PDB file of all heavy atoms in Angstrom:
ATOM      1  N   LEU A   1       0.859  -1.177   0.000  1.00  0.00           N
ATOM      2  CA  LEU A   1       0.000   0.000   0.000  1.00  0.00           C
ATOM      3  C   LEU A   1       0.897   1.228   0.000  1.00  0.00           C
ATOM      4  O   LEU A   1       1.843   1.317   0.790  1.00  0.00           O
ATOM      5  CB  LEU A   1      -0.918   0.017   1.228  1.00  0.00           C
ATOM      6  CG  LEU A   1      -1.839  -1.190   1.428  1.00  0.00           C
ATOM      7  CD1 LEU A   1      -2.700  -0.987   2.668  1.00  0.00           C
ATOM      8  CD2 LEU A   1      -2.708  -1.454   0.202  1.00  0.00           C
ATOM      9  N   VAL A   2       0.614   2.187  -0.878  1.00  0.00           N
ATOM     10  CA  VAL A   2       1.479   3.357  -0.995  1.00  0.00           C
ATOM     11  C   VAL A   2       0.656   4.609  -1.237  1.00  0.00           C
ATOM     12  O   VAL A   2      -0.308   4.599  -2.012  1.00  0.00           O
ATOM     13  CB  VAL A   2       2.521   3.150  -2.124  1.00  0.00           C
ATOM     14  CG1 VAL A   2       1.853   2.883  -3.468  1.00  0.00           C
ATOM     15  CG2 VAL A   2       3.477   4.330  -2.222  1.00  0.00           C
ATOM     16  N   ASP A   3       1.004   5.681  -0.515  1.00  0.00           N
ATOM     17  CA  ASP A   3       0.419   6.992  -0.774  1.00  0.00           C
ATOM     18  C   ASP A   3       1.550   8.017  -0.779  1.00  0.00           C
ATOM     19  O   ASP A   3       2.714   7.666  -0.982  1.00  0.00           O
ATOM     20  CB  ASP A   3      -0.717   7.319   0.204  1.00  0.00           C
ATOM     21  CG  ASP A   3      -0.262   7.432   1.660  1.00  0.00           C
ATOM     22  OD1 ASP A   3       0.966   7.505   1.908  1.00  0.00           O
ATOM     23  OD2 ASP A   3      -1.125   7.475   2.556  1.00  0.00           O
ATOM     24  N   GLN A   4       1.249   9.267  -0.529  1.00  0.00           N
ATOM     25  CA  GLN A   4       2.265  10.311  -0.611  1.00  0.00           C
ATOM     26  C   GLN A   4       3.285  10.265   0.524  1.00  0.00           C
ATOM     27  O   GLN A   4       4.402  10.777   0.370  1.00  0.00           O
ATOM     28  CB  GLN A   4       1.585  11.692  -0.618  1.00  0.00           C
ATOM     29  CG  GLN A   4       0.714  11.942  -1.832  1.00  0.00           C
ATOM     30  CD  GLN A   4       1.500  11.891  -3.133  1.00  0.00           C
ATOM     31  OE1 GLN A   4       2.521  12.568  -3.263  1.00  0.00           O
ATOM     32  NE2 GLN A   4       1.040  11.113  -4.092  1.00  0.00           N
ATOM     33  N   THR A   5       2.927   9.669   1.651  1.00  0.00           N
ATOM     34  CA  THR A   5       3.814   9.744   2.822  1.00  0.00           C
ATOM     35  C   THR A   5       4.295   8.395   3.332  1.00  0.00           C
ATOM     36  O   THR A   5       5.337   8.318   3.980  1.00  0.00           O
ATOM     37  CB  THR A   5       3.110  10.460   3.991  1.00  0.00           C
ATOM     38  OG1 THR A   5       1.921   9.747   4.344  1.00  0.00           O
ATOM     39  CG2 THR A   5       2.748  11.888   3.608  1.00  0.00           C
ATOM     40  N   ARG A   6       3.538   7.326   3.076  1.00  0.00           N
ATOM     41  CA  ARG A   6       3.916   6.036   3.652  1.00  0.00           C
ATOM     42  C   ARG A   6       3.764   4.907   2.650  1.00  0.00           C
ATOM     43  O   ARG A   6       2.943   4.946   1.741  1.00  0.00           O
ATOM     44  CB  ARG A   6       3.113   5.725   4.922  1.00  0.00           C
ATOM     45  CG  ARG A   6       1.617   5.783   4.783  1.00  0.00           C
ATOM     46  CD  ARG A   6       0.911   5.269   6.046  1.00  0.00           C
ATOM     47  NE  ARG A   6       1.316   5.936   7.249  1.00  0.00           N
ATOM     48  CZ  ARG A   6       0.760   7.055   7.721  1.00  0.00           C
ATOM     49  NH1 ARG A   6      -0.233   7.623   7.051  1.00  0.00           N
ATOM     50  NH2 ARG A   6       1.167   7.583   8.855  1.00  0.00           N
ATOM     51  N   LEU A   7       4.602   3.905   2.861  1.00  0.00           N
ATOM     52  CA  LEU A   7       4.583   2.677   2.072  1.00  0.00           C
ATOM     53  C   LEU A   7       4.549   1.519   3.058  1.00  0.00           C
ATOM     54  O   LEU A   7       5.428   1.393   3.907  1.00  0.00           O
ATOM     55  CB  LEU A   7       5.837   2.606   1.200  1.00  0.00           C
ATOM     56  CG  LEU A   7       6.179   1.278   0.511  1.00  0.00           C
ATOM     57  CD1 LEU A   7       5.067   0.842  -0.432  1.00  0.00           C
ATOM     58  CD2 LEU A   7       7.506   1.408  -0.242  1.00  0.00           C
ATOM     59  N   ILE A   8       3.502   0.703   2.985  1.00  0.00           N
ATOM     60  CA  ILE A   8       3.343  -0.445   3.878  1.00  0.00           C
ATOM     61  C   ILE A   8       3.536  -1.715   3.068  1.00  0.00           C
ATOM     62  O   ILE A   8       2.845  -1.941   2.068  1.00  0.00           O
ATOM     63  CB  ILE A   8       1.970  -0.449   4.567  1.00  0.00           C
ATOM     64  CG1 ILE A   8       1.769   0.848   5.367  1.00  0.00           C
ATOM     65  CG2 ILE A   8       1.839  -1.655   5.487  1.00  0.00           C
ATOM     66  CD1 ILE A   8       0.422   0.943   6.062  1.00  0.00           C
ATOM     67  N   LEU A   9       4.488  -2.544   3.509  1.00  0.00           N
ATOM     68  CA  LEU A   9       4.816  -3.777   2.787  1.00  0.00           C
ATOM     69  C   LEU A   9       3.912  -4.928   3.212  1.00  0.00           C
ATOM     70  O   LEU A   9       3.473  -4.996   4.372  1.00  0.00           O
ATOM     71  CB  LEU A   9       6.269  -4.170   3.037  1.00  0.00           C
ATOM     72  CG  LEU A   9       7.311  -3.652   2.038  1.00  0.00           C
ATOM     73  CD1 LEU A   9       7.338  -2.124   2.026  1.00  0.00           C
ATOM     74  CD2 LEU A   9       8.682  -4.205   2.385  1.00  0.00           C
ATOM     75  N   PRO A  10       3.655  -5.869   2.306  1.00  0.00           N
ATOM     76  CA  PRO A  10       2.932  -7.086   2.685  1.00  0.00           C
ATOM     77  C   PRO A  10       3.826  -7.993   3.525  1.00  0.00           C
ATOM     78  O   PRO A  10       5.053  -7.841   3.536  1.00  0.00           O
ATOM     79  CB  PRO A  10       2.624  -7.738   1.337  1.00  0.00           C
ATOM     80  CG  PRO A  10       3.743  -7.287   0.445  1.00  0.00           C
ATOM     81  CD  PRO A  10       4.064  -5.873   0.883  1.00  0.00           C
ATOM     82  N   ALA A  11       3.211  -8.916   4.237  1.00  0.00           N
ATOM     83  CA  ALA A  11       3.989  -9.919   4.968  1.00  0.00           C
ATOM     84  C   ALA A  11       4.661 -10.853   3.965  1.00  0.00           C
ATOM     85  O   ALA A  11       4.040 -11.300   2.999  1.00  0.00           O
ATOM     86  CB  ALA A  11       3.081 -10.707   5.904  1.00  0.00           C
ATOM     87  N   TYR A  12       5.930 -11.144   4.207  1.00  0.00           N
ATOM     88  CA  TYR A  12       6.707 -11.989   3.304  1.00  0.00           C
ATOM     89  C   TYR A  12       6.650 -13.458   3.713  1.00  0.00           C
ATOM     90  O   TYR A  12       6.815 -14.351   2.889  1.00  0.00           O
ATOM     91  CB  TYR A  12       8.158 -11.503   3.312  1.00  0.00           C
ATOM     92  CG  TYR A  12       9.025 -12.053   2.206  1.00  0.00           C
ATOM     93  CD1 TYR A  12       9.112 -11.400   0.983  1.00  0.00           C
ATOM     94  CD2 TYR A  12       9.788 -13.206   2.397  1.00  0.00           C
ATOM     95  CE1 TYR A  12       9.927 -11.887  -0.038  1.00  0.00           C
ATOM     96  CE2 TYR A  12      10.600 -13.698   1.386  1.00  0.00           C
ATOM     97  CZ  TYR A  12      10.668 -13.040   0.171  1.00  0.00           C
ATOM     98  OH  TYR A  12      11.473 -13.524  -0.822  1.00  0.00           O
ATOM     99  N   GLY A  13       6.433 -13.721   4.991  1.00  0.00           N
ATOM    100  CA  GLY A  13       6.523 -15.075   5.501  1.00  0.00           C
ATOM    101  C   GLY A  13       5.343 -15.959   5.135  1.00  0.00           C
ATOM    102  O   GLY A  13       4.223 -15.490   4.890  1.00  0.00           O
ATOM    103  N   THR A  14       5.611 -17.259   5.121  1.00  0.00           N
ATOM    104  CA  THR A  14       4.573 -18.258   4.898  1.00  0.00           C
ATOM    105  C   THR A  14       3.687 -18.359   6.146  1.00  0.00           C
ATOM    106  O   THR A  14       4.155 -18.197   7.254  1.00  0.00           O
ATOM    107  CB  THR A  14       5.226 -19.624   4.605  1.00  0.00           C
ATOM    108  OG1 THR A  14       6.092 -19.476   3.480  1.00  0.00           O
ATOM    109  CG2 THR A  14       4.204 -20.699   4.309  1.00  0.00           C
ATOM    110  N   TYR A  15       2.403 -18.618   5.955  1.00  0.00           N
ATOM    111  CA  TYR A  15       1.399 -18.742   7.027  1.00  0.00           C
ATOM    112  C   TYR A  15       1.097 -17.407   7.711  1.00  0.00           C
ATOM    113  O   TYR A  15       0.596 -17.387   8.838  1.00  0.00           O
ATOM    114  CB  TYR A  15       1.838 -19.725   8.124  1.00  0.00           C
ATOM    115  CG  TYR A  15       2.026 -21.158   7.707  1.00  0.00           C
ATOM    116  CD1 TYR A  15       2.802 -22.014   8.481  1.00  0.00           C
ATOM    117  CD2 TYR A  15       1.435 -21.686   6.571  1.00  0.00           C
ATOM    118  CE1 TYR A  15       2.994 -23.336   8.133  1.00  0.00           C
ATOM    119  CE2 TYR A  15       1.627 -23.012   6.211  1.00  0.00           C
ATOM    120  CZ  TYR A  15       2.405 -23.838   6.996  1.00  0.00           C
ATOM    121  OH  TYR A  15       2.599 -25.154   6.649  1.00  0.00           O
ATOM    122  N   THR A  16       1.381 -16.278   7.073  1.00  0.00           N
ATOM    123  CA  THR A  16       1.220 -15.013   7.789  1.00  0.00           C
ATOM    124  C   THR A  16      -0.173 -14.400   7.676  1.00  0.00           C
ATOM    125  O   THR A  16      -0.532 -13.536   8.469  1.00  0.00           O
ATOM    126  CB  THR A  16       2.250 -13.982   7.295  1.00  0.00           C
ATOM    127  OG1 THR A  16       2.289 -13.988   5.866  1.00  0.00           O
ATOM    128  CG2 THR A  16       3.628 -14.310   7.829  1.00  0.00           C
ATOM    129  N   GLY A  17      -0.968 -14.799   6.697  1.00  0.00           N
ATOM    130  CA  GLY A  17      -2.305 -14.220   6.583  1.00  0.00           C
ATOM    131  C   GLY A  17      -2.234 -12.747   6.214  1.00  0.00           C
ATOM    132  O   GLY A  17      -1.192 -12.243   5.798  1.00  0.00           O
ATOM    133  N   GLY A  18      -3.343 -12.037   6.363  1.00  0.00           N
ATOM    134  CA  GLY A  18      -3.329 -10.631   5.996  1.00  0.00           C
ATOM    135  C   GLY A  18      -4.575  -9.887   6.428  1.00  0.00           C
ATOM    136  O   GLY A  18      -5.590 -10.481   6.795  1.00  0.00           O
ATOM    137  N   LEU A  19      -4.480  -8.553   6.382  1.00  0.00           N
ATOM    138  CA  LEU A  19      -5.574  -7.644   6.722  1.00  0.00           C
ATOM    139  C   LEU A  19      -6.025  -6.949   5.446  1.00  0.00           C
ATOM    140  O   LEU A  19      -5.213  -6.370   4.719  1.00  0.00           O
ATOM    141  CB  LEU A  19      -5.085  -6.606   7.747  1.00  0.00           C
ATOM    142  CG  LEU A  19      -6.112  -5.609   8.276  1.00  0.00           C
ATOM    143  CD1 LEU A  19      -7.159  -6.318   9.133  1.00  0.00           C
ATOM    144  CD2 LEU A  19      -5.413  -4.510   9.080  1.00  0.00           C
ATOM    145  N   ARG A  20      -7.322  -7.012   5.162  1.00  0.00           N
ATOM    146  CA  ARG A  20      -7.838  -6.409   3.932  1.00  0.00           C
ATOM    147  C   ARG A  20      -7.586  -4.902   3.925  1.00  0.00           C
ATOM    148  O   ARG A  20      -7.695  -4.241   4.953  1.00  0.00           O
ATOM    149  CB  ARG A  20      -9.333  -6.683   3.785  1.00  0.00           C
ATOM    150  CG  ARG A  20      -9.665  -8.136   3.484  1.00  0.00           C
ATOM    151  CD  ARG A  20     -11.149  -8.286   3.178  1.00  0.00           C
ATOM    152  NE  ARG A  20     -11.526  -9.671   2.984  1.00  0.00           N
ATOM    153  CZ  ARG A  20     -11.373 -10.350   1.854  1.00  0.00           C
ATOM    154  NH1 ARG A  20     -10.841  -9.745   0.801  1.00  0.00           N
ATOM    155  NH2 ARG A  20     -11.746 -11.611   1.762  1.00  0.00           N
ATOM    156  N   SER A  21      -7.281  -4.390   2.749  1.00  0.00           N
ATOM    157  CA  SER A  21      -7.047  -2.951   2.629  1.00  0.00           C
ATOM    158  C   SER A  21      -8.285  -2.138   2.976  1.00  0.00           C
ATOM    159  O   SER A  21      -8.182  -0.961   3.313  1.00  0.00           O
ATOM    160  CB  SER A  21      -6.597  -2.610   1.205  1.00  0.00           C
ATOM    161  OG  SER A  21      -7.616  -2.939   0.260  1.00  0.00           O
ATOM    162  N   SER A  22      -9.455  -2.769   2.915  1.00  0.00           N
ATOM    163  CA  SER A  22     -10.703  -2.078   3.255  1.00  0.00           C
ATOM    164  C   SER A  22     -10.944  -1.997   4.755  1.00  0.00           C
ATOM    165  O   SER A  22     -11.880  -1.324   5.193  1.00  0.00           O
ATOM    166  CB  SER A  22     -11.893  -2.792   2.592  1.00  0.00           C
ATOM    167  OG  SER A  22     -11.935  -4.164   2.984  1.00  0.00           O
ATOM    168  N   ASP A  23     -10.096  -2.658   5.548  1.00  0.00           N
ATOM    169  CA  ASP A  23     -10.253  -2.601   6.999  1.00  0.00           C
ATOM    170  C   ASP A  23     -10.069  -1.162   7.495  1.00  0.00           C
ATOM    171  O   ASP A  23      -9.262  -0.396   6.965  1.00  0.00           O
ATOM    172  CB  ASP A  23      -9.227  -3.514   7.668  1.00  0.00           C
ATOM    173  CG  ASP A  23      -9.439  -3.633   9.167  1.00  0.00           C
ATOM    174  OD1 ASP A  23      -8.917  -2.770   9.907  1.00  0.00           O
ATOM    175  OD2 ASP A  23     -10.105  -4.573   9.599  1.00  0.00           O
ATOM    176  N   HIS A  24     -10.803  -0.805   8.539  1.00  0.00           N
ATOM    177  CA  HIS A  24     -10.765   0.571   9.058  1.00  0.00           C
ATOM    178  C   HIS A  24      -9.356   0.992   9.419  1.00  0.00           C
ATOM    179  O   HIS A  24      -8.961   2.145   9.184  1.00  0.00           O
ATOM    180  CB  HIS A  24     -11.679   0.704  10.275  1.00  0.00           C
ATOM    181  CG  HIS A  24     -11.553   2.038  10.958  1.00  0.00           C
ATOM    182  ND1 HIS A  24     -12.077   3.194  10.429  1.00  0.00           N
ATOM    183  CD2 HIS A  24     -10.914   2.397  12.116  1.00  0.00           C
ATOM    184  CE1 HIS A  24     -11.787   4.213  11.233  1.00  0.00           C
ATOM    185  NE2 HIS A  24     -11.094   3.758  12.256  1.00  0.00           N
ATOM    186  N   ALA A  25      -8.562   0.062   9.984  1.00  0.00           N
ATOM    187  CA  ALA A  25      -7.216   0.426  10.423  1.00  0.00           C
ATOM    188  C   ALA A  25      -6.368   0.927   9.256  1.00  0.00           C
ATOM    189  O   ALA A  25      -5.612   1.906   9.390  1.00  0.00           O
ATOM    190  CB  ALA A  25      -6.533  -0.768  11.089  1.00  0.00           C
ATOM    191  N   LEU A  26      -6.476   0.283   8.101  1.00  0.00           N
ATOM    192  CA  LEU A  26      -5.693   0.703   6.939  1.00  0.00           C
ATOM    193  C   LEU A  26      -6.339   1.883   6.226  1.00  0.00           C
ATOM    194  O   LEU A  26      -5.641   2.770   5.722  1.00  0.00           O
ATOM    195  CB  LEU A  26      -5.524  -0.477   5.978  1.00  0.00           C
ATOM    196  CG  LEU A  26      -4.610  -1.587   6.513  1.00  0.00           C
ATOM    197  CD1 LEU A  26      -4.651  -2.805   5.600  1.00  0.00           C
ATOM    198  CD2 LEU A  26      -3.175  -1.090   6.668  1.00  0.00           C
ATOM    199  N   ASN A  27      -7.670   1.925   6.197  1.00  0.00           N
ATOM    200  CA  ASN A  27      -8.352   3.073   5.613  1.00  0.00           C
ATOM    201  C   ASN A  27      -7.980   4.362   6.312  1.00  0.00           C
ATOM    202  O   ASN A  27      -7.802   5.405   5.691  1.00  0.00           O
ATOM    203  CB  ASN A  27      -9.871   2.871   5.710  1.00  0.00           C
ATOM    204  CG  ASN A  27     -10.476   2.498   4.371  1.00  0.00           C
ATOM    205  OD1 ASN A  27     -10.241   3.157   3.378  1.00  0.00           O
ATOM    206  ND2 ASN A  27     -11.249   1.430   4.362  1.00  0.00           N
ATOM    207  N   ALA A  28      -7.855   4.284   7.634  1.00  0.00           N
ATOM    208  CA  ALA A  28      -7.536   5.476   8.410  1.00  0.00           C
ATOM    209  C   ALA A  28      -6.098   5.940   8.182  1.00  0.00           C
ATOM    210  O   ALA A  28      -5.789   7.125   8.334  1.00  0.00           O
ATOM    211  CB  ALA A  28      -7.767   5.202   9.898  1.00  0.00           C
ATOM    212  N   LEU A  29      -5.219   5.020   7.817  1.00  0.00           N
ATOM    213  CA  LEU A  29      -3.807   5.358   7.638  1.00  0.00           C
ATOM    214  C   LEU A  29      -3.496   5.927   6.259  1.00  0.00           C
ATOM    215  O   LEU A  29      -2.669   6.831   6.113  1.00  0.00           O
ATOM    216  CB  LEU A  29      -2.943   4.106   7.849  1.00  0.00           C
ATOM    217  CG  LEU A  29      -2.755   3.617   9.273  1.00  0.00           C
ATOM    218  CD1 LEU A  29      -2.068   2.252   9.271  1.00  0.00           C
ATOM    219  CD2 LEU A  29      -1.918   4.612  10.078  1.00  0.00           C
ATOM    220  N   MET A  30      -4.141   5.385   5.227  1.00  0.00           N
ATOM    221  CA  MET A  30      -3.742   5.683   3.859  1.00  0.00           C
ATOM    222  C   MET A  30      -4.564   6.827   3.271  1.00  0.00           C
ATOM    223  O   MET A  30      -5.768   6.934   3.495  1.00  0.00           O
ATOM    224  CB  MET A  30      -3.889   4.431   2.982  1.00  0.00           C
ATOM    225  CG  MET A  30      -3.147   3.201   3.509  1.00  0.00           C
ATOM    226  SD  MET A  30      -1.382   3.474   3.801  1.00  0.00           S
ATOM    227  CE  MET A  30      -0.798   3.761   2.119  1.00  0.00           C
ATOM    228  N   GLY A  31      -3.891   7.676   2.500  1.00  0.00           N
ATOM    229  CA  GLY A  31      -4.541   8.821   1.887  1.00  0.00           C
ATOM    230  C   GLY A  31      -5.554   8.435   0.831  1.00  0.00           C
ATOM    231  O   GLY A  31      -5.615   7.281   0.369  1.00  0.00           O
ATOM    232  N   ASP A  32      -6.324   9.430   0.403  1.00  0.00           N
ATOM    233  CA  ASP A  32      -7.426   9.179  -0.533  1.00  0.00           C
ATOM    234  C   ASP A  32      -6.952   8.606  -1.867  1.00  0.00           C
ATOM    235  O   ASP A  32      -7.683   7.875  -2.534  1.00  0.00           O
ATOM    236  CB  ASP A  32      -8.197  10.473  -0.789  1.00  0.00           C
ATOM    237  CG  ASP A  32      -8.958  10.946   0.439  1.00  0.00           C
ATOM    238  OD1 ASP A  32      -9.187  10.120   1.344  1.00  0.00           O
ATOM    239  OD2 ASP A  32      -9.312  12.142   0.490  1.00  0.00           O
ATOM    240  N   ARG A  33      -5.732   8.955  -2.280  1.00  0.00           N
ATOM    241  CA  ARG A  33      -5.229   8.498  -3.580  1.00  0.00           C
ATOM    242  C   ARG A  33      -4.259   7.335  -3.440  1.00  0.00           C
ATOM    243  O   ARG A  33      -3.454   7.078  -4.350  1.00  0.00           O
ATOM    244  CB  ARG A  33      -4.570   9.664  -4.317  1.00  0.00           C
ATOM    245  CG  ARG A  33      -5.563  10.747  -4.729  1.00  0.00           C
ATOM    246  CD  ARG A  33      -4.912  11.810  -5.589  1.00  0.00           C
ATOM    247  NE  ARG A  33      -3.943  12.594  -4.831  1.00  0.00           N
ATOM    248  CZ  ARG A  33      -3.128  13.505  -5.361  1.00  0.00           C
ATOM    249  NH1 ARG A  33      -3.149  13.709  -6.676  1.00  0.00           N
ATOM    250  NH2 ARG A  33      -2.300  14.189  -4.613  1.00  0.00           N
ATOM    251  N   ALA A  34      -4.356   6.612  -2.342  1.00  0.00           N
ATOM    252  CA  ALA A  34      -3.453   5.480  -2.115  1.00  0.00           C
ATOM    253  C   ALA A  34      -3.653   4.408  -3.179  1.00  0.00           C
ATOM    254  O   ALA A  34      -4.761   4.190  -3.677  1.00  0.00           O
ATOM    255  CB  ALA A  34      -3.685   4.888  -0.732  1.00  0.00           C
ATOM    256  N   MET A  35      -2.564   3.725  -3.499  1.00  0.00           N
ATOM    257  CA  MET A  35      -2.584   2.640  -4.466  1.00  0.00           C
ATOM    258  C   MET A  35      -2.219   1.329  -3.775  1.00  0.00           C
ATOM    259  O   MET A  35      -1.522   1.325  -2.750  1.00  0.00           O
ATOM    260  CB  MET A  35      -1.594   2.908  -5.599  1.00  0.00           C
ATOM    261  CG  MET A  35      -1.793   4.235  -6.320  1.00  0.00           C
ATOM    262  SD  MET A  35      -3.395   4.373  -7.154  1.00  0.00           S
ATOM    263  CE  MET A  35      -3.150   3.223  -8.521  1.00  0.00           C
ATOM    264  N   ALA A  36      -2.695   0.241  -4.339  1.00  0.00           N
ATOM    265  CA  ALA A  36      -2.326  -1.093  -3.876  1.00  0.00           C
ATOM    266  C   ALA A  36      -1.609  -1.811  -5.017  1.00  0.00           C
ATOM    267  O   ALA A  36      -2.050  -1.759  -6.172  1.00  0.00           O
ATOM    268  CB  ALA A  36      -3.562  -1.887  -3.456  1.00  0.00           C
ATOM    269  N   ILE A  37      -0.495  -2.456  -4.688  1.00  0.00           N
ATOM    270  CA  ILE A  37       0.230  -3.261  -5.667  1.00  0.00           C
ATOM    271  C   ILE A  37       0.110  -4.714  -5.231  1.00  0.00           C
ATOM    272  O   ILE A  37       0.691  -5.125  -4.222  1.00  0.00           O
ATOM    273  CB  ILE A  37       1.707  -2.849  -5.771  1.00  0.00           C
ATOM    274  CG1 ILE A  37       1.823  -1.357  -6.115  1.00  0.00           C
ATOM    275  CG2 ILE A  37       2.414  -3.700  -6.828  1.00  0.00           C
ATOM    276  CD1 ILE A  37       3.247  -0.842  -6.101  1.00  0.00           C
ATOM    277  N   LEU A  38      -0.687  -5.473  -5.966  1.00  0.00           N
ATOM    278  CA  LEU A  38      -0.920  -6.872  -5.622  1.00  0.00           C
ATOM    279  C   LEU A  38       0.283  -7.714  -6.041  1.00  0.00           C
ATOM    280  O   LEU A  38       0.816  -7.551  -7.143  1.00  0.00           O
ATOM    281  CB  LEU A  38      -2.184  -7.393  -6.310  1.00  0.00           C
ATOM    282  CG  LEU A  38      -3.528  -7.024  -5.666  1.00  0.00           C
ATOM    283  CD1 LEU A  38      -3.816  -5.532  -5.792  1.00  0.00           C
ATOM    284  CD2 LEU A  38      -4.670  -7.833  -6.264  1.00  0.00           C
ATOM    285  N   THR A  39       0.702  -8.606  -5.166  1.00  0.00           N
ATOM    286  CA  THR A  39       1.849  -9.465  -5.434  1.00  0.00           C
ATOM    287  C   THR A  39       1.418 -10.668  -6.287  1.00  0.00           C
ATOM    288  O   THR A  39       0.248 -10.869  -6.572  1.00  0.00           O
ATOM    289  CB  THR A  39       2.471  -9.948  -4.130  1.00  0.00           C
ATOM    290  OG1 THR A  39       1.484 -10.691  -3.380  1.00  0.00           O
ATOM    291  CG2 THR A  39       2.950  -8.786  -3.272  1.00  0.00           C
ATOM    292  N   GLY A  40       2.390 -11.480  -6.675  1.00  0.00           N
ATOM    293  CA  GLY A  40       2.108 -12.680  -7.457  1.00  0.00           C
ATOM    294  C   GLY A  40       2.958 -12.711  -8.712  1.00  0.00           C
ATOM    295  O   GLY A  40       3.837 -11.871  -8.926  1.00  0.00           O
ATOM    296  N   HIS A  41       2.699 -13.694  -9.569  1.00  0.00           N
ATOM    297  CA  HIS A  41       3.486 -13.856 -10.790  1.00  0.00           C
ATOM    298  C   HIS A  41       3.347 -12.650 -11.718  1.00  0.00           C
ATOM    299  O   HIS A  41       4.282 -12.315 -12.458  1.00  0.00           O
ATOM    300  CB  HIS A  41       3.069 -15.129 -11.524  1.00  0.00           C
ATOM    301  CG  HIS A  41       3.432 -16.380 -10.794  1.00  0.00           C
ATOM    302  ND1 HIS A  41       4.740 -16.722 -10.512  1.00  0.00           N
ATOM    303  CD2 HIS A  41       2.663 -17.370 -10.270  1.00  0.00           C
ATOM    304  CE1 HIS A  41       4.768 -17.866  -9.849  1.00  0.00           C
ATOM    305  NE2 HIS A  41       3.531 -18.280  -9.687  1.00  0.00           N
ATOM    306  N   GLN A  42       2.201 -11.998 -11.670  1.00  0.00           N
ATOM    307  CA  GLN A  42       1.979 -10.786 -12.450  1.00  0.00           C
ATOM    308  C   GLN A  42       1.467  -9.696 -11.523  1.00  0.00           C
ATOM    309  O   GLN A  42       0.255  -9.518 -11.372  1.00  0.00           O
ATOM    310  CB  GLN A  42       0.982 -11.035 -13.582  1.00  0.00           C
ATOM    311  CG  GLN A  42       1.499 -11.986 -14.664  1.00  0.00           C
ATOM    312  CD  GLN A  42       0.505 -12.143 -15.791  1.00  0.00           C
ATOM    313  OE1 GLN A  42      -0.697 -12.289 -15.582  1.00  0.00           O
ATOM    314  NE2 GLN A  42       1.009 -12.130 -17.017  1.00  0.00           N
ATOM    315  N   PRO A  43       2.374  -8.957 -10.857  1.00  0.00           N
ATOM    316  CA  PRO A  43       1.939  -7.897  -9.946  1.00  0.00           C
ATOM    317  C   PRO A  43       1.054  -6.883 -10.681  1.00  0.00           C
ATOM    318  O   PRO A  43       1.259  -6.615 -11.868  1.00  0.00           O
ATOM    319  CB  PRO A  43       3.256  -7.250  -9.485  1.00  0.00           C
ATOM    320  CG  PRO A  43       4.291  -8.303  -9.716  1.00  0.00           C
ATOM    321  CD  PRO A  43       3.842  -9.058 -10.932  1.00  0.00           C
ATOM    322  N   GLN A  44       0.069  -6.367  -9.964  1.00  0.00           N
ATOM    323  CA  GLN A  44      -0.845  -5.398 -10.562  1.00  0.00           C
ATOM    324  C   GLN A  44      -1.035  -4.234  -9.604  1.00  0.00           C
ATOM    325  O   GLN A  44      -1.120  -4.430  -8.391  1.00  0.00           O
ATOM    326  CB  GLN A  44      -2.192  -6.046 -10.864  1.00  0.00           C
ATOM    327  CG  GLN A  44      -2.100  -7.194 -11.862  1.00  0.00           C
ATOM    328  CD  GLN A  44      -3.457  -7.761 -12.214  1.00  0.00           C
ATOM    329  OE1 GLN A  44      -4.321  -7.071 -12.735  1.00  0.00           O
ATOM    330  NE2 GLN A  44      -3.655  -9.031 -11.931  1.00  0.00           N
TER     331      GLN A  44
END
C-alpha cells in the first residue's frame, strides 16, 4: 500500500495471513489516492 507519505509492505513469511485494505485500520492510515500493488506472478 502506498500513498504520498507512507509505504506499507505485505507480509513476506509463509502462514502469515493478511488484513484487507478495506479494513478501518488501513483506511484510516492511507490517503485518498493510495494505491495497492498486488503481489504474485503478475503484480498489478
